[in-house]
């Protein structure tokens, strides 16, 4: 998983989180994201 994170330029824990969501909820788990409170993103 460390190699995948390096290739994608992401932190290892972020990749692990995506893998966990996929294993638990398949593709639907990756497509639905909760809005994080705080500043709205500049780009949508």
N, C-alpha and C. Protein backbone atom coordinates (compact mmCIF):
# COMPACT_ATOMS: atom_id res chain seq x y z
N UNK A 1 0.82 -1.19 0.00
CA UNK A 1 0.00 0.00 0.00
C UNK A 1 0.87 1.26 0.00
N UNK A 2 2.05 1.18 0.54
CA UNK A 2 2.97 2.32 0.56
C UNK A 2 3.35 2.69 -0.87
N UNK A 3 3.57 1.69 -1.72
CA UNK A 3 3.92 1.96 -3.12
C UNK A 3 2.79 2.67 -3.84
N UNK A 4 1.56 2.25 -3.60
CA UNK A 4 0.41 2.88 -4.23
C UNK A 4 0.30 4.33 -3.77
N UNK A 5 0.48 4.57 -2.49
CA UNK A 5 0.42 5.94 -1.96
C UNK A 5 1.48 6.81 -2.60
N UNK A 6 2.67 6.29 -2.78
CA UNK A 6 3.76 7.06 -3.39
C UNK A 6 3.45 7.38 -4.85
N UNK A 7 2.91 6.42 -5.57
CA UNK A 7 2.57 6.64 -6.98
C UNK A 7 1.48 7.71 -7.11
N UNK A 8 0.49 7.66 -6.22
CA UNK A 8 -0.62 8.61 -6.28
C UNK A 8 -0.30 9.94 -5.62
N UNK A 9 0.81 10.00 -4.90
CA UNK A 9 1.16 11.22 -4.19
C UNK A 9 0.25 11.48 -3.01
N UNK A 10 -0.19 10.40 -2.37
CA UNK A 10 -1.10 10.50 -1.23
C UNK A 10 -0.44 9.90 0.00
N UNK A 11 -0.99 10.22 1.15
CA UNK A 11 -0.51 9.62 2.39
C UNK A 11 -1.00 8.17 2.46
N UNK A 12 -0.20 7.32 3.05
CA UNK A 12 -0.54 5.89 3.17
C UNK A 12 -1.89 5.69 3.84
N UNK A 13 -2.18 6.47 4.88
CA UNK A 13 -3.44 6.32 5.61
C UNK A 13 -4.65 6.69 4.75
N UNK A 14 -4.47 7.66 3.87
CA UNK A 14 -5.57 8.04 2.96
C UNK A 14 -5.90 6.89 2.02
N UNK A 15 -4.87 6.25 1.48
CA UNK A 15 -5.08 5.10 0.59
C UNK A 15 -5.75 3.97 1.36
N UNK A 16 -5.32 3.73 2.58
CA UNK A 16 -5.92 2.68 3.40
C UNK A 16 -7.39 2.96 3.66
N UNK A 17 -7.73 4.23 3.85
CA UNK A 17 -9.12 4.61 4.07
C UNK A 17 -9.97 4.33 2.83
N UNK A 18 -9.45 4.66 1.65
CA UNK A 18 -10.18 4.37 0.41
C UNK A 18 -10.35 2.87 0.20
N UNK A 19 -9.33 2.10 0.49
CA UNK A 19 -9.41 0.64 0.34
C UNK A 19 -10.46 0.07 1.29
N UNK A 20 -10.48 0.56 2.52
CA UNK A 20 -11.46 0.09 3.51
C UNK A 20 -12.88 0.41 3.05
N UNK A 21 -13.11 1.63 2.56
CA UNK A 21 -14.43 2.01 2.07
C UNK A 21 -14.85 1.12 0.91
N UNK A 22 -13.91 0.82 0.00
CA UNK A 22 -14.23 -0.03 -1.14
C UNK A 22 -14.57 -1.45 -0.69
N UNK A 23 -13.81 -1.99 0.25
CA UNK A 23 -14.07 -3.35 0.73
C UNK A 23 -15.42 -3.45 1.42
N UNK A 24 -15.81 -2.40 2.15
CA UNK A 24 -17.06 -2.43 2.91
C UNK A 24 -18.28 -2.11 2.05
N UNK A 25 -18.13 -1.19 1.10
CA UNK A 25 -19.30 -0.69 0.37
C UNK A 25 -19.14 -0.70 -1.14
N UNK A 26 -18.09 -1.33 -1.63
CA UNK A 26 -17.78 -1.39 -3.06
C UNK A 26 -17.70 0.02 -3.65
N UNK A 27 -17.98 0.17 -4.91
CA UNK A 27 -17.80 1.45 -5.60
C UNK A 27 -18.67 2.55 -4.99
N UNK A 28 -19.85 2.21 -4.54
CA UNK A 28 -20.76 3.20 -3.95
C UNK A 28 -20.12 3.89 -2.74
N UNK A 29 -19.32 3.17 -1.99
CA UNK A 29 -18.65 3.76 -0.84
C UNK A 29 -17.63 4.81 -1.22
N UNK A 30 -17.08 4.70 -2.42
CA UNK A 30 -16.10 5.69 -2.88
C UNK A 30 -16.79 6.89 -3.53
N UNK A 31 -17.98 6.69 -4.05
CA UNK A 31 -18.67 7.76 -4.75
C UNK A 31 -19.39 8.72 -3.82
N UNK A 32 -19.81 8.23 -2.66
CA UNK A 32 -20.51 9.09 -1.71
C UNK A 32 -19.52 9.62 -0.70
N UNK A 33 -19.43 10.94 -0.63
CA UNK A 33 -18.51 11.58 0.31
C UNK A 33 -19.30 12.52 1.20
N UNK A 34 -18.99 12.52 2.47
CA UNK A 34 -19.63 13.43 3.40
C UNK A 34 -18.96 14.80 3.30
N UNK A 35 -19.76 15.85 3.43
CA UNK A 35 -19.23 17.20 3.43
C UNK A 35 -18.50 17.44 4.75
N UNK A 36 -17.29 17.89 4.68
CA UNK A 36 -16.50 18.18 5.87
C UNK A 36 -16.81 19.61 6.29
N UNK A 37 -17.16 19.81 7.57
CA UNK A 37 -17.46 21.17 8.02
C UNK A 37 -16.24 22.08 7.91
N UNK A 38 -16.50 23.35 7.70
CA UNK A 38 -15.40 24.30 7.60
C UNK A 38 -15.50 25.10 6.32
N UNK A 39 -14.38 25.59 5.88
CA UNK A 39 -14.33 26.43 4.69
C UNK A 39 -14.76 25.64 3.46
N UNK A 40 -15.58 26.26 2.64
CA UNK A 40 -16.02 25.63 1.40
C UNK A 40 -14.84 25.54 0.43
N UNK A 41 -14.78 24.49 -0.38
CA UNK A 41 -13.67 24.37 -1.33
C UNK A 41 -13.72 25.47 -2.37
N UNK A 42 -12.56 25.92 -2.81
CA UNK A 42 -12.47 26.96 -3.82
C UNK A 42 -12.94 26.44 -5.17
N UNK A 43 -12.52 25.22 -5.51
CA UNK A 43 -12.94 24.58 -6.75
C UNK A 43 -13.92 23.48 -6.43
N UNK A 44 -14.91 23.32 -7.30
CA UNK A 44 -15.89 22.24 -7.11
C UNK A 44 -15.71 21.21 -8.18
